[in-house]
Amino acid sequence: QVQLVESGGGLVQTGGSLRLSCAASGSILSIGAMGWYRQAPGKQRELVATITTPRSANYADSVKGRFTISRDNAKNTVYLQMNSLKPEDTAVYYCRTDVRGKGTYWGQGTQVTVSS
């Protein structure tokens, strides 16, 4: 069994910053791609950023230059540094982890709200 625990969401004003974390635990031999997705009310879940080994990152156009994804393989943790936040970034953010030999796992989601 694999568990993902997210943290770091909250309420911030436009232009502010937040850092999300997602730690994977359980029976893990190796982790492949890790990433962040988000879902705003009434919208479909969308990709925000992904990172694979050896640390190649991919970003949605809407967050390029503002968000940075990183990972700590020793801690099985993925981070999302979000700067210059905008109201349209408001959503529930989910982490996703591909565990080799086990499949894909999702976190429970963390709310990010950006006030104008």
C-alpha atoms as a PDB file:
ATOM      1  CA  GLN A   1       0.000   0.000   0.000  1.00  0.00           C
ATOM      2  CA  VAL A   2       1.175   3.500  -0.865  1.00  0.00           C
ATOM      3  CA  GLN A   3      -0.002   6.710   0.777  1.00  0.00           C
ATOM      4  CA  LEU A   4       0.450  10.273  -0.448  1.00  0.00           C
ATOM      5  CA  VAL A   5       0.190  13.114   2.037  1.00  0.00           C
ATOM      6  CA  GLU A   6      -0.062  16.649   0.726  1.00  0.00           C
ATOM      7  CA  SER A   7       0.497  19.868   2.617  1.00  0.00           C
ATOM      8  CA  GLY A   8       1.059  23.563   2.040  1.00  0.00           C
ATOM      9  CA  GLY A   9      -2.204  24.810   0.602  1.00  0.00           C
ATOM     10  CA  GLY A  10      -4.010  27.847   1.921  1.00  0.00           C
ATOM     11  CA  LEU A  11      -5.271  31.350   1.264  1.00  0.00           C
ATOM     12  CA  VAL A  12      -2.962  33.935  -0.271  1.00  0.00           C
ATOM     13  CA  GLN A  13      -3.358  37.307  -1.944  1.00  0.00           C
ATOM     14  CA  THR A  14      -2.669  37.931  -5.612  1.00  0.00           C
ATOM     15  CA  GLY A  15       1.061  38.033  -6.190  1.00  0.00           C
ATOM     16  CA  GLY A  16       1.815  35.889  -3.181  1.00  0.00           C
ATOM     17  CA  SER A  17       3.572  32.551  -2.913  1.00  0.00           C
ATOM     18  CA  LEU A  18       2.860  29.083  -1.594  1.00  0.00           C
ATOM     19  CA  ARG A  19       4.849  25.869  -1.491  1.00  0.00           C
ATOM     20  CA  LEU A  20       3.093  22.532  -1.776  1.00  0.00           C
ATOM     21  CA  SER A  21       4.607  19.264  -0.633  1.00  0.00           C
ATOM     22  CA  CYS A  22       3.582  15.679  -1.291  1.00  0.00           C
ATOM     23  CA  ALA A  23       5.282  12.812   0.505  1.00  0.00           C
ATOM     24  CA  ALA A  24       4.846   9.201  -0.562  1.00  0.00           C
ATOM     25  CA  SER A  25       5.154   6.422   1.978  1.00  0.00           C
ATOM     26  CA  GLY A  26       4.532   2.714   2.194  1.00  0.00           C
ATOM     27  CA  SER A  27       5.826  -0.192   0.189  1.00  0.00           C
ATOM     28  CA  ILE A  28       7.907   1.702  -2.357  1.00  0.00           C
ATOM     29  CA  LEU A  29      10.891   0.347  -4.236  1.00  0.00           C
ATOM     30  CA  SER A  30      11.173   3.020  -6.853  1.00  0.00           C
ATOM     31  CA  ILE A  31       9.199   6.055  -7.991  1.00  0.00           C
ATOM     32  CA  GLY A  32       8.951   7.201 -11.582  1.00  0.00           C
ATOM     33  CA  ALA A  33       7.177  10.363 -12.601  1.00  0.00           C
ATOM     34  CA  MET A  34       5.731  12.703  -9.981  1.00  0.00           C
ATOM     35  CA  GLY A  35       3.467  15.609 -10.678  1.00  0.00           C
ATOM     36  CA  TRP A  36       0.847  18.127  -9.683  1.00  0.00           C
ATOM     37  CA  TYR A  37      -2.607  18.573 -11.136  1.00  0.00           C
ATOM     38  CA  ARG A  38      -5.387  20.947 -10.212  1.00  0.00           C
ATOM     39  CA  GLN A  39      -9.137  21.138 -10.489  1.00  0.00           C
ATOM     40  CA  ALA A  40     -11.123  24.334 -10.238  1.00  0.00           C
ATOM     41  CA  PRO A  41     -14.874  24.315  -9.539  1.00  0.00           C
ATOM     42  CA  GLY A  42     -16.817  23.289 -12.623  1.00  0.00           C
ATOM     43  CA  LYS A  43     -13.679  22.440 -14.564  1.00  0.00           C
ATOM     44  CA  GLN A  44     -11.805  19.277 -15.437  1.00  0.00           C
ATOM     45  CA  ARG A  45      -8.629  18.278 -13.660  1.00  0.00           C
ATOM     46  CA  GLU A  46      -5.624  19.660 -15.521  1.00  0.00           C
ATOM     47  CA  LEU A  47      -1.891  19.098 -15.476  1.00  0.00           C
ATOM     48  CA  VAL A  48       0.164  21.741 -13.701  1.00  0.00           C
ATOM     49  CA  ALA A  49       3.658  20.252 -13.744  1.00  0.00           C
ATOM     50  CA  THR A  50       5.410  16.905 -13.842  1.00  0.00           C
ATOM     51  CA  ILE A  51       8.933  15.793 -13.127  1.00  0.00           C
ATOM     52  CA  THR A  52      10.613  12.530 -14.054  1.00  0.00           C
ATOM     53  CA  THR A  53      14.037  11.135 -13.540  1.00  0.00           C
ATOM     54  CA  PRO A  54      16.608  12.411 -14.259  1.00  0.00           C
ATOM     55  CA  ARG A  55      14.716  15.506 -13.130  1.00  0.00           C
ATOM     56  CA  SER A  56      13.197  16.673 -16.364  1.00  0.00           C
ATOM     57  CA  ALA A  57      10.266  18.989 -15.725  1.00  0.00           C
ATOM     58  CA  ASN A  58       7.225  19.833 -17.786  1.00  0.00           C
ATOM     59  CA  TYR A  59       4.834  22.732 -17.113  1.00  0.00           C
ATOM     60  CA  ALA A  60       1.452  23.903 -18.271  1.00  0.00           C
ATOM     61  CA  ASP A  61       1.776  27.096 -20.283  1.00  0.00           C
ATOM     62  CA  SER A  62      -0.340  28.956 -17.732  1.00  0.00           C
ATOM     63  CA  VAL A  63       2.227  28.436 -14.952  1.00  0.00           C
ATOM     64  CA  LYS A  64       5.534  28.604 -16.825  1.00  0.00           C
ATOM     65  CA  GLY A  65       7.886  31.093 -15.243  1.00  0.00           C
ATOM     66  CA  ARG A  66       5.835  31.246 -12.035  1.00  0.00           C
ATOM     67  CA  PHE A  67       5.776  27.677 -10.693  1.00  0.00           C
ATOM     68  CA  THR A  68       8.722  25.354 -10.068  1.00  0.00           C
ATOM     69  CA  ILE A  69       8.443  21.624  -9.477  1.00  0.00           C
ATOM     70  CA  SER A  70      11.197  19.705  -7.706  1.00  0.00           C
ATOM     71  CA  ARG A  71      11.667  16.379  -5.998  1.00  0.00           C
ATOM     72  CA  ASP A  72      13.693  14.792  -3.238  1.00  0.00           C
ATOM     73  CA  ASN A  73      14.154  11.156  -4.145  1.00  0.00           C
ATOM     74  CA  ALA A  74      15.580  10.260  -0.737  1.00  0.00           C
ATOM     75  CA  LYS A  75      12.341  11.448   0.871  1.00  0.00           C
ATOM     76  CA  ASN A  76       9.983  10.310  -1.930  1.00  0.00           C
ATOM     77  CA  THR A  77       8.663  13.854  -1.919  1.00  0.00           C
ATOM     78  CA  VAL A  78       7.634  16.241  -4.667  1.00  0.00           C
ATOM     79  CA  TYR A  79       7.307  19.988  -4.204  1.00  0.00           C
ATOM     80  CA  LEU A  80       5.578  22.778  -6.078  1.00  0.00           C
ATOM     81  CA  GLN A  81       6.819  26.302  -5.473  1.00  0.00           C
ATOM     82  CA  MET A  82       4.150  28.710  -6.646  1.00  0.00           C
ATOM     83  CA  ASN A  83       5.047  32.377  -7.067  1.00  0.00           C
ATOM     84  CA  SER A  84       3.167  35.364  -8.484  1.00  0.00           C
ATOM     85  CA  LEU A  85      -0.120  33.633  -7.786  1.00  0.00           C
ATOM     86  CA  LYS A  86      -3.240  34.765  -9.601  1.00  0.00           C
ATOM     87  CA  PRO A  87      -6.926  34.308  -8.786  1.00  0.00           C
ATOM     88  CA  GLU A  88      -7.185  31.874 -11.706  1.00  0.00           C
ATOM     89  CA  ASP A  89      -4.737  29.591  -9.875  1.00  0.00           C
ATOM     90  CA  THR A  90      -7.459  28.920  -7.296  1.00  0.00           C
ATOM     91  CA  ALA A  91      -8.182  25.189  -7.285  1.00  0.00           C
ATOM     92  CA  VAL A  92      -7.727  21.953  -5.418  1.00  0.00           C
ATOM     93  CA  TYR A  93      -4.215  20.741  -6.135  1.00  0.00           C
ATOM     94  CA  TYR A  94      -3.518  17.008  -6.329  1.00  0.00           C
ATOM     95  CA  CYS A  95      -0.183  15.242  -6.463  1.00  0.00           C
ATOM     96  CA  ARG A  96       0.253  12.160  -8.579  1.00  0.00           C
ATOM     97  CA  THR A  97       2.997   9.558  -8.221  1.00  0.00           C
ATOM     98  CA  ASP A  98       3.874   6.603 -10.410  1.00  0.00           C
ATOM     99  CA  VAL A  99       5.256   3.824  -8.251  1.00  0.00           C
ATOM    100  CA  ARG A 100       7.140   1.281 -10.295  1.00  0.00           C
ATOM    101  CA  GLY A 101       5.544  -2.139 -10.104  1.00  0.00           C
ATOM    102  CA  LYS A 102       2.451  -0.826  -8.311  1.00  0.00           C
ATOM    103  CA  GLY A 103       0.773   1.836 -10.401  1.00  0.00           C
ATOM    104  CA  THR A 104      -0.375   5.430 -10.122  1.00  0.00           C
ATOM    105  CA  TYR A 105      -1.442   7.046  -6.872  1.00  0.00           C
ATOM    106  CA  TRP A 106      -3.150  10.346  -6.116  1.00  0.00           C
ATOM    107  CA  GLY A 107      -3.060  12.534  -3.036  1.00  0.00           C
ATOM    108  CA  GLN A 108      -6.192  13.673  -1.250  1.00  0.00           C
ATOM    109  CA  GLY A 109      -5.917  17.210  -2.583  1.00  0.00           C
ATOM    110  CA  THR A 110      -5.091  20.514  -0.969  1.00  0.00           C
ATOM    111  CA  GLN A 111      -7.012  23.743  -1.487  1.00  0.00           C
ATOM    112  CA  VAL A 112      -5.241  26.782  -2.868  1.00  0.00           C
ATOM    113  CA  THR A 113      -7.224  30.018  -2.860  1.00  0.00           C
ATOM    114  CA  VAL A 114      -5.864  33.244  -4.315  1.00  0.00           C
ATOM    115  CA  SER A 115      -7.799  36.366  -3.410  1.00  0.00           C
ATOM    116  CA  SER A 116      -7.925  39.384  -5.691  1.00  0.00           C
END
